[in-house]
Amino acid sequence: MTTLITGATGAIGGALAAQLAAEGRPLLLVARDAAKLDALAATTGGSALALDLRDSATALPALQAAFAAAAEAGRPVTRLAHCVGSTVVRPLHLTQEADWREQFEINATTAFTVLKACVTDAIKRPHPLAAVLVSSVVAHGGFANHEAIGAAKAAVAALALGTAASYADKGVRVNVVAPGLTRSTLTQRFIATPAAEARSAALIPTGRIGEPAEVAATIAFLLSDAAAHITGQVLQVSGGQGCLHPLPKA
């Protein structure tokens, strides 16, 4: 059975691809950068599909064709990890409408496009489906200067939970992981120097920055048969960031 990983060339998507490849899982890898995608496919043995998921007119037919080919090969797409993401850190009065629209297009619209395609395929064939969408801890608490990305990631979580409710009786499971500050190119500016990393880590109860492999391992669990009775859940992988409030150190 094939696992579709979108945003596959990102930190979390790439870590997940490496983990599942080590387990011998067939992979369908989707990202915008064809060169990076081909390199990842070469190291993981996955199939590469260069797509911009914001353009549903192009993306949907391409996904449908890929799903049909996978099914004909006896390896239908039964798992989805939607790891596409972006960020903007800007207070509301400085956030432009273009910023707002961009965050929703990259995060929520791509999630809608790929989840709809996967659910439709699962019903049509039919076959079971386990999906995990990547939200963010900033969608589930008030984080200063994260108004646009927080709203977009909250939309991702709401999409997942609604879909989980609609299709639970059809063998479709949908869950969400909500990472806190995790090491990646998107967060590099917050941890670019040892001093900057120390300041950021001090805001996290566990005292350190999250690693992409930790988020990937959580996604892999939620996609696995071990999580067969888990659906409609939002699981933070954040070191307690945003939900725990330890006493200040003396």
C-alpha atoms as a PDB file:
ATOM      1  CA  MET A   1       0.000   0.000   0.000  1.00  0.00           C
ATOM      2  CA  THR A   2       1.357   3.401  -1.022  1.00  0.00           C
ATOM      3  CA  THR A   3       1.887   6.419   1.215  1.00  0.00           C
ATOM      4  CA  LEU A   4       1.443   9.826  -0.390  1.00  0.00           C
ATOM      5  CA  ILE A   5       3.686  12.464   1.192  1.00  0.00           C
ATOM      6  CA  THR A   6       3.083  16.050   0.140  1.00  0.00           C
ATOM      7  CA  GLY A   7       5.619  18.715   0.969  1.00  0.00           C
ATOM      8  CA  ALA A   8       8.024  15.789   0.740  1.00  0.00           C
ATOM      9  CA  THR A   9      11.166  17.900   0.332  1.00  0.00           C
ATOM     10  CA  GLY A  10      10.526  19.852   3.538  1.00  0.00           C
ATOM     11  CA  ALA A  11      12.089  18.956   6.865  1.00  0.00           C
ATOM     12  CA  ILE A  12       9.173  16.912   8.214  1.00  0.00           C
ATOM     13  CA  GLY A  13       8.158  15.406   4.887  1.00  0.00           C
ATOM     14  CA  GLY A  14      11.723  14.398   4.116  1.00  0.00           C
ATOM     15  CA  ALA A  15      12.203  12.831   7.550  1.00  0.00           C
ATOM     16  CA  LEU A  16       8.974  10.872   7.131  1.00  0.00           C
ATOM     17  CA  ALA A  17       9.985   9.686   3.655  1.00  0.00           C
ATOM     18  CA  ALA A  18      13.310   8.422   5.019  1.00  0.00           C
ATOM     19  CA  GLN A  19      11.621   6.608   7.897  1.00  0.00           C
ATOM     20  CA  LEU A  20       8.977   4.901   5.765  1.00  0.00           C
ATOM     21  CA  ALA A  21      11.511   4.014   3.069  1.00  0.00           C
ATOM     22  CA  ALA A  22      13.615   2.274   5.711  1.00  0.00           C
ATOM     23  CA  GLU A  23      10.529   0.180   6.500  1.00  0.00           C
ATOM     24  CA  GLY A  24      10.142  -0.729   2.832  1.00  0.00           C
ATOM     25  CA  ARG A  25       6.977   1.304   2.284  1.00  0.00           C
ATOM     26  CA  PRO A  26       6.068   2.313  -1.299  1.00  0.00           C
ATOM     27  CA  LEU A  27       6.012   6.106  -1.521  1.00  0.00           C
ATOM     28  CA  LEU A  28       4.453   8.710  -3.780  1.00  0.00           C
ATOM     29  CA  LEU A  29       6.326  11.962  -3.158  1.00  0.00           C
ATOM     30  CA  VAL A  30       4.866  15.347  -4.067  1.00  0.00           C
ATOM     31  CA  ALA A  31       6.551  18.762  -3.909  1.00  0.00           C
ATOM     32  CA  ARG A  32       7.030  21.818  -6.093  1.00  0.00           C
ATOM     33  CA  ASP A  33      10.805  21.666  -6.616  1.00  0.00           C
ATOM     34  CA  ALA A  34      11.359  18.935  -9.201  1.00  0.00           C
ATOM     35  CA  ALA A  35      15.130  18.748  -8.713  1.00  0.00           C
ATOM     36  CA  LYS A  36      14.915  18.307  -4.936  1.00  0.00           C
ATOM     37  CA  LEU A  37      12.041  15.881  -5.380  1.00  0.00           C
ATOM     38  CA  ASP A  38      13.987  13.710  -7.820  1.00  0.00           C
ATOM     39  CA  ALA A  39      16.922  13.605  -5.412  1.00  0.00           C
ATOM     40  CA  LEU A  40      14.643  12.499  -2.576  1.00  0.00           C
ATOM     41  CA  ALA A  41      12.996   9.881  -4.759  1.00  0.00           C
ATOM     42  CA  ALA A  42      16.420   8.504  -5.674  1.00  0.00           C
ATOM     43  CA  THR A  43      17.373   8.031  -2.029  1.00  0.00           C
ATOM     44  CA  THR A  44      14.023   6.619  -0.869  1.00  0.00           C
ATOM     45  CA  GLY A  45      12.943   4.602  -3.886  1.00  0.00           C
ATOM     46  CA  GLY A  46       9.724   6.599  -4.098  1.00  0.00           C
ATOM     47  CA  SER A  47       7.887   7.892  -7.133  1.00  0.00           C
ATOM     48  CA  ALA A  48       8.203  11.628  -7.716  1.00  0.00           C
ATOM     49  CA  LEU A  49       5.334  13.887  -8.778  1.00  0.00           C
ATOM     50  CA  ALA A  50       6.228  17.559  -9.074  1.00  0.00           C
ATOM     51  CA  LEU A  51       3.066  19.581  -8.399  1.00  0.00           C
ATOM     52  CA  ASP A  52       1.931  22.905  -7.045  1.00  0.00           C
ATOM     53  CA  LEU A  53      -1.081  21.852  -4.982  1.00  0.00           C
ATOM     54  CA  ARG A  54      -2.350  25.436  -4.899  1.00  0.00           C
ATOM     55  CA  ASP A  55      -3.367  24.994  -8.541  1.00  0.00           C
ATOM     56  CA  SER A  56      -6.178  22.476  -8.181  1.00  0.00           C
ATOM     57  CA  ALA A  57      -7.001  22.575 -11.896  1.00  0.00           C
ATOM     58  CA  THR A  58      -3.622  20.987 -12.586  1.00  0.00           C
ATOM     59  CA  ALA A  59      -3.056  19.121  -9.339  1.00  0.00           C
ATOM     60  CA  LEU A  60      -6.312  17.155  -9.163  1.00  0.00           C
ATOM     61  CA  PRO A  61      -6.004  15.442 -12.571  1.00  0.00           C
ATOM     62  CA  ALA A  62      -2.340  14.665 -11.883  1.00  0.00           C
ATOM     63  CA  LEU A  63      -3.180  13.132  -8.514  1.00  0.00           C
ATOM     64  CA  GLN A  64      -6.046  11.133  -9.986  1.00  0.00           C
ATOM     65  CA  ALA A  65      -3.761   9.731 -12.674  1.00  0.00           C
ATOM     66  CA  ALA A  66      -1.132   8.832 -10.086  1.00  0.00           C
ATOM     67  CA  PHE A  67      -3.743   7.116  -7.909  1.00  0.00           C
ATOM     68  CA  ALA A  68      -5.023   5.104 -10.867  1.00  0.00           C
ATOM     69  CA  ALA A  69      -1.498   3.993 -11.766  1.00  0.00           C
ATOM     70  CA  ALA A  70      -0.776   2.980  -8.183  1.00  0.00           C
ATOM     71  CA  ALA A  71      -4.009   0.980  -7.985  1.00  0.00           C
ATOM     72  CA  GLU A  72      -3.304  -0.774 -11.276  1.00  0.00           C
ATOM     73  CA  ALA A  73       0.102  -1.755  -9.912  1.00  0.00           C
ATOM     74  CA  GLY A  74      -1.597  -3.300  -6.877  1.00  0.00           C
ATOM     75  CA  ARG A  75      -0.347  -0.592  -4.505  1.00  0.00           C
ATOM     76  CA  PRO A  76      -3.254   1.863  -4.045  1.00  0.00           C
ATOM     77  CA  VAL A  77      -2.667   5.064  -2.105  1.00  0.00           C
ATOM     78  CA  THR A  78      -4.054   4.211   1.325  1.00  0.00           C
ATOM     79  CA  ARG A  79      -2.061   6.671   3.411  1.00  0.00           C
ATOM     80  CA  LEU A  80      -1.618  10.428   3.187  1.00  0.00           C
ATOM     81  CA  ALA A  81       0.756  12.704   5.071  1.00  0.00           C
ATOM     82  CA  HIS A  82       0.134  16.318   4.111  1.00  0.00           C
ATOM     83  CA  CYS A  83       3.311  18.106   5.200  1.00  0.00           C
ATOM     84  CA  VAL A  84       2.976  21.276   3.126  1.00  0.00           C
ATOM     85  CA  GLY A  85       3.484  24.405   5.179  1.00  0.00           C
ATOM     86  CA  SER A  86       4.657  27.979   5.395  1.00  0.00           C
ATOM     87  CA  THR A  87       4.831  30.722   7.963  1.00  0.00           C
ATOM     88  CA  VAL A  88       4.599  34.446   8.381  1.00  0.00           C
ATOM     89  CA  VAL A  89       5.360  36.141  11.673  1.00  0.00           C
ATOM     90  CA  ARG A  90       3.761  39.572  11.609  1.00  0.00           C
ATOM     91  CA  PRO A  91       1.230  41.384  13.808  1.00  0.00           C
ATOM     92  CA  LEU A  92      -2.238  41.886  12.417  1.00  0.00           C
ATOM     93  CA  HIS A  93      -1.904  45.618  11.707  1.00  0.00           C
ATOM     94  CA  LEU A  94       1.166  44.909   9.534  1.00  0.00           C
ATOM     95  CA  THR A  95      -0.290  41.841   7.814  1.00  0.00           C
ATOM     96  CA  GLN A  96      -1.299  42.547   4.238  1.00  0.00           C
ATOM     97  CA  GLU A  97      -4.256  40.868   2.570  1.00  0.00           C
ATOM     98  CA  ALA A  98      -1.760  39.188   0.230  1.00  0.00           C
ATOM     99  CA  ASP A  99      -0.004  37.664   3.257  1.00  0.00           C
ATOM    100  CA  TRP A 100      -3.323  36.387   4.579  1.00  0.00           C
ATOM    101  CA  ARG A 101      -4.344  34.860   1.266  1.00  0.00           C
ATOM    102  CA  GLU A 102      -0.943  33.279   0.751  1.00  0.00           C
ATOM    103  CA  GLN A 103      -1.021  31.491   4.109  1.00  0.00           C
ATOM    104  CA  PHE A 104      -4.460  30.069   3.416  1.00  0.00           C
ATOM    105  CA  GLU A 105      -3.529  29.020  -0.125  1.00  0.00           C
ATOM    106  CA  ILE A 106      -0.327  27.248   0.907  1.00  0.00           C
ATOM    107  CA  ASN A 107      -1.733  25.605   4.012  1.00  0.00           C
ATOM    108  CA  ALA A 108      -5.515  25.237   3.918  1.00  0.00           C
ATOM    109  CA  THR A 109      -6.191  25.156   0.165  1.00  0.00           C
ATOM    110  CA  THR A 110      -3.516  22.549  -0.515  1.00  0.00           C
ATOM    111  CA  ALA A 111      -4.867  20.435   2.338  1.00  0.00           C
ATOM    112  CA  PHE A 112      -8.371  20.666   0.870  1.00  0.00           C
ATOM    113  CA  THR A 113      -7.158  19.695  -2.583  1.00  0.00           C
ATOM    114  CA  VAL A 114      -5.119  16.653  -1.624  1.00  0.00           C
ATOM    115  CA  LEU A 115      -7.467  15.363   1.091  1.00  0.00           C
ATOM    116  CA  LYS A 116     -10.456  15.633  -1.247  1.00  0.00           C
ATOM    117  CA  ALA A 117      -8.548  13.723  -3.926  1.00  0.00           C
ATOM    118  CA  CYS A 118      -7.561  10.957  -1.507  1.00  0.00           C
ATOM    119  CA  VAL A 119     -11.013  10.591   0.030  1.00  0.00           C
ATOM    120  CA  THR A 120     -12.663  10.521  -3.390  1.00  0.00           C
ATOM    121  CA  ASP A 121     -10.265   7.813  -4.537  1.00  0.00           C
ATOM    122  CA  ALA A 122     -10.843   5.778  -1.361  1.00  0.00           C
ATOM    123  CA  ILE A 123     -14.608   5.855  -1.883  1.00  0.00           C
ATOM    124  CA  LYS A 124     -14.406   5.183  -5.596  1.00  0.00           C
ATOM    125  CA  ARG A 125     -12.185   2.072  -5.537  1.00  0.00           C
ATOM    126  CA  PRO A 126     -12.974   1.455  -2.572  1.00  0.00           C
ATOM    127  CA  HIS A 127     -10.153   1.047  -0.041  1.00  0.00           C
ATOM    128  CA  PRO A 128      -9.305   2.260   3.469  1.00  0.00           C
ATOM    129  CA  LEU A 129      -7.492   5.534   3.990  1.00  0.00           C
ATOM    130  CA  ALA A 130      -5.432   6.920   6.855  1.00  0.00           C
ATOM    131  CA  ALA A 131      -4.529  10.593   6.589  1.00  0.00           C
ATOM    132  CA  VAL A 132      -2.533  12.981   8.742  1.00  0.00           C
ATOM    133  CA  LEU A 133      -2.496  16.726   8.159  1.00  0.00           C
ATOM    134  CA  VAL A 134       0.150  18.984   9.662  1.00  0.00           C
ATOM    135  CA  SER A 135      -1.252  21.944  11.576  1.00  0.00           C
ATOM    136  CA  SER A 136       0.739  23.907  14.174  1.00  0.00           C
ATOM    137  CA  VAL A 137       0.730  24.636  17.868  1.00  0.00           C
ATOM    138  CA  VAL A 138       0.054  28.287  16.942  1.00  0.00           C
ATOM    139  CA  ALA A 139      -3.415  27.253  15.722  1.00  0.00           C
ATOM    140  CA  HIS A 140      -4.405  26.042  19.156  1.00  0.00           C
ATOM    141  CA  GLY A 141      -3.314  28.919  21.391  1.00  0.00           C
ATOM    142  CA  GLY A 142      -2.678  32.630  21.201  1.00  0.00           C
ATOM    143  CA  PHE A 143       0.823  33.294  19.860  1.00  0.00           C
ATOM    144  CA  ALA A 144       1.763  36.934  19.300  1.00  0.00           C
ATOM    145  CA  ASN A 145       2.367  37.942  15.679  1.00  0.00           C
ATOM    146  CA  HIS A 146       1.026  34.633  14.335  1.00  0.00           C
ATOM    147  CA  GLU A 147      -2.482  35.772  13.402  1.00  0.00           C
ATOM    148  CA  ALA A 148      -2.390  34.782   9.723  1.00  0.00           C
ATOM    149  CA  ILE A 149      -0.558  31.482   9.995  1.00  0.00           C
ATOM    150  CA  GLY A 150      -2.458  30.554  13.159  1.00  0.00           C
ATOM    151  CA  ALA A 151      -5.777  31.041  11.369  1.00  0.00           C
ATOM    152  CA  ALA A 152      -4.616  29.078   8.314  1.00  0.00           C
ATOM    153  CA  LYS A 153      -3.350  26.169  10.387  1.00  0.00           C
ATOM    154  CA  ALA A 154      -6.577  26.194  12.438  1.00  0.00           C
ATOM    155  CA  ALA A 155      -8.437  25.792   9.142  1.00  0.00           C
ATOM    156  CA  VAL A 156      -6.285  22.743   8.356  1.00  0.00           C
ATOM    157  CA  ALA A 157      -7.224  21.153  11.682  1.00  0.00           C
ATOM    158  CA  ALA A 158     -10.926  21.927  11.222  1.00  0.00           C
ATOM    159  CA  LEU A 159     -10.853  20.411   7.733  1.00  0.00           C
ATOM    160  CA  ALA A 160      -9.327  17.228   9.121  1.00  0.00           C
ATOM    161  CA  LEU A 161     -11.790  16.842  11.969  1.00  0.00           C
ATOM    162  CA  GLY A 162     -14.820  17.478   9.780  1.00  0.00           C
ATOM    163  CA  THR A 163     -13.598  14.960   7.222  1.00  0.00           C
ATOM    164  CA  ALA A 164     -12.914  12.406   9.956  1.00  0.00           C
ATOM    165  CA  ALA A 165     -16.533  12.741  11.097  1.00  0.00           C
ATOM    166  CA  SER A 166     -17.991  12.548   7.598  1.00  0.00           C
ATOM    167  CA  TYR A 167     -16.189   9.395   6.500  1.00  0.00           C
ATOM    168  CA  ALA A 168     -15.495   7.393   9.667  1.00  0.00           C
ATOM    169  CA  ASP A 169     -17.984   4.725   8.569  1.00  0.00           C
ATOM    170  CA  LYS A 170     -16.213   4.346   5.231  1.00  0.00           C
ATOM    171  CA  GLY A 171     -12.842   3.264   6.557  1.00  0.00           C
ATOM    172  CA  VAL A 172     -11.324   6.732   6.451  1.00  0.00           C
ATOM    173  CA  ARG A 173      -9.266   7.974   9.402  1.00  0.00           C
ATOM    174  CA  VAL A 174      -8.027  11.559   9.561  1.00  0.00           C
ATOM    175  CA  ASN A 175      -5.811  12.992  12.296  1.00  0.00           C
ATOM    176  CA  VAL A 176      -3.680  16.069  12.841  1.00  0.00           C
ATOM    177  CA  VAL A 177      -0.231  16.690  14.232  1.00  0.00           C
ATOM    178  CA  ALA A 178       0.487  20.169  15.555  1.00  0.00           C
ATOM    179  CA  PRO A 179       4.235  20.727  15.870  1.00  0.00           C
ATOM    180  CA  GLY A 180       5.747  23.418  18.022  1.00  0.00           C
ATOM    181  CA  LEU A 181       8.993  25.111  17.049  1.00  0.00           C
ATOM    182  CA  THR A 182      10.772  22.483  14.957  1.00  0.00           C
ATOM    183  CA  ARG A 183      14.171  22.679  13.280  1.00  0.00           C
ATOM    184  CA  SER A 184      13.699  23.488   9.583  1.00  0.00           C
ATOM    185  CA  THR A 185      14.436  26.098   6.951  1.00  0.00           C
ATOM    186  CA  LEU A 186      11.167  27.834   7.871  1.00  0.00           C
ATOM    187  CA  THR A 187      12.267  28.291  11.485  1.00  0.00           C
ATOM    188  CA  GLN A 188      15.962  28.908  10.875  1.00  0.00           C
ATOM    189  CA  ARG A 189      15.727  32.608  11.641  1.00  0.00           C
ATOM    190  CA  PHE A 190      14.571  31.812  15.169  1.00  0.00           C
ATOM    191  CA  ILE A 191      17.514  29.508  15.869  1.00  0.00           C
ATOM    192  CA  ALA A 192      20.205  30.923  13.565  1.00  0.00           C
ATOM    193  CA  THR A 193      22.727  31.445  16.370  1.00  0.00           C
ATOM    194  CA  PRO A 194      23.342  29.620  19.645  1.00  0.00           C
ATOM    195  CA  ALA A 195      21.991  32.628  21.539  1.00  0.00           C
ATOM    196  CA  ALA A 196      18.841  32.762  19.397  1.00  0.00           C
ATOM    197  CA  GLU A 197      18.274  29.041  19.819  1.00  0.00           C
ATOM    198  CA  ALA A 198      18.701  29.331  23.565  1.00  0.00           C
ATOM    199  CA  ARG A 199      16.092  32.125  23.714  1.00  0.00           C
ATOM    200  CA  SER A 200      13.622  30.076  21.686  1.00  0.00           C
ATOM    201  CA  ALA A 201      14.296  26.890  23.652  1.00  0.00           C
ATOM    202  CA  ALA A 202      13.640  28.755  26.904  1.00  0.00           C
ATOM    203  CA  LEU A 203      10.003  29.194  25.802  1.00  0.00           C
ATOM    204  CA  ILE A 204       9.516  25.423  25.492  1.00  0.00           C
ATOM    205  CA  PRO A 205       8.894  23.370  28.664  1.00  0.00           C
ATOM    206  CA  THR A 206      11.247  20.596  27.562  1.00  0.00           C
ATOM    207  CA  GLY A 207      13.948  23.207  27.006  1.00  0.00           C
ATOM    208  CA  ARG A 208      14.860  22.383  23.432  1.00  0.00           C
ATOM    209  CA  ILE A 209      13.830  22.747  19.809  1.00  0.00           C
ATOM    210  CA  GLY A 210      11.867  19.917  18.233  1.00  0.00           C
ATOM    211  CA  GLU A 211      13.434  17.714  15.558  1.00  0.00           C
ATOM    212  CA  PRO A 212      11.717  16.839  12.261  1.00  0.00           C
ATOM    213  CA  ALA A 213      12.225  13.126  12.888  1.00  0.00           C
ATOM    214  CA  GLU A 214      10.159  13.391  16.075  1.00  0.00           C
ATOM    215  CA  VAL A 215       7.197  14.843  14.202  1.00  0.00           C
ATOM    216  CA  ALA A 216       7.678  12.287  11.419  1.00  0.00           C
ATOM    217  CA  ALA A 217       7.618   9.414  13.910  1.00  0.00           C
ATOM    218  CA  THR A 218       4.300  10.657  15.273  1.00  0.00           C
ATOM    219  CA  ILE A 219       2.839  10.896  11.777  1.00  0.00           C
ATOM    220  CA  ALA A 220       4.080   7.389  10.982  1.00  0.00           C
ATOM    221  CA  PHE A 221       2.356   6.048  14.087  1.00  0.00           C
ATOM    222  CA  LEU A 222      -0.952   7.730  13.241  1.00  0.00           C
ATOM    223  CA  LEU A 223      -0.780   6.267   9.730  1.00  0.00           C
ATOM    224  CA  SER A 224       0.001   2.787  10.993  1.00  0.00           C
ATOM    225  CA  ASP A 225      -2.314  -0.076  11.890  1.00  0.00           C
ATOM    226  CA  ALA A 226      -1.334   0.477  15.530  1.00  0.00           C
ATOM    227  CA  ALA A 227      -3.491   3.619  15.379  1.00  0.00           C
ATOM    228  CA  ALA A 228      -6.435   1.916  13.680  1.00  0.00           C
ATOM    229  CA  HIS A 229      -8.878   3.112  16.362  1.00  0.00           C
ATOM    230  CA  ILE A 230      -7.634   6.720  16.401  1.00  0.00           C
ATOM    231  CA  THR A 231      -9.367   9.333  14.279  1.00  0.00           C
ATOM    232  CA  GLY A 232     -10.362  12.985  14.590  1.00  0.00           C
ATOM    233  CA  GLN A 233      -7.518  13.819  16.967  1.00  0.00           C
ATOM    234  CA  VAL A 234      -5.100  16.742  17.149  1.00  0.00           C
ATOM    235  CA  LEU A 235      -1.809  15.654  18.668  1.00  0.00           C
ATOM    236  CA  GLN A 236       0.698  18.333  19.603  1.00  0.00           C
ATOM    237  CA  VAL A 237       4.368  17.477  19.124  1.00  0.00           C
ATOM    238  CA  SER A 238       5.655  20.576  20.803  1.00  0.00           C
ATOM    239  CA  GLY A 239       7.557  19.825  23.978  1.00  0.00           C
ATOM    240  CA  GLY A 240       4.570  21.276  25.805  1.00  0.00           C
ATOM    241  CA  GLN A 241       4.836  24.615  24.019  1.00  0.00           C
ATOM    242  CA  GLY A 242       1.508  26.410  24.170  1.00  0.00           C
ATOM    243  CA  CYS A 243      -0.198  23.981  26.552  1.00  0.00           C
ATOM    244  CA  LEU A 244       2.101  23.696  29.591  1.00  0.00           C
ATOM    245  CA  HIS A 245       3.080  26.552  31.891  1.00  0.00           C
ATOM    246  CA  PRO A 246       5.868  25.480  34.239  1.00  0.00           C
ATOM    247  CA  LEU A 247       6.785  27.616  37.201  1.00  0.00           C
ATOM    248  CA  PRO A 248       9.588  30.060  36.424  1.00  0.00           C
ATOM    249  CA  LYS A 249      13.071  28.939  37.383  1.00  0.00           C
ATOM    250  CA  ALA A 250      14.718  30.765  40.252  1.00  0.00           C
END
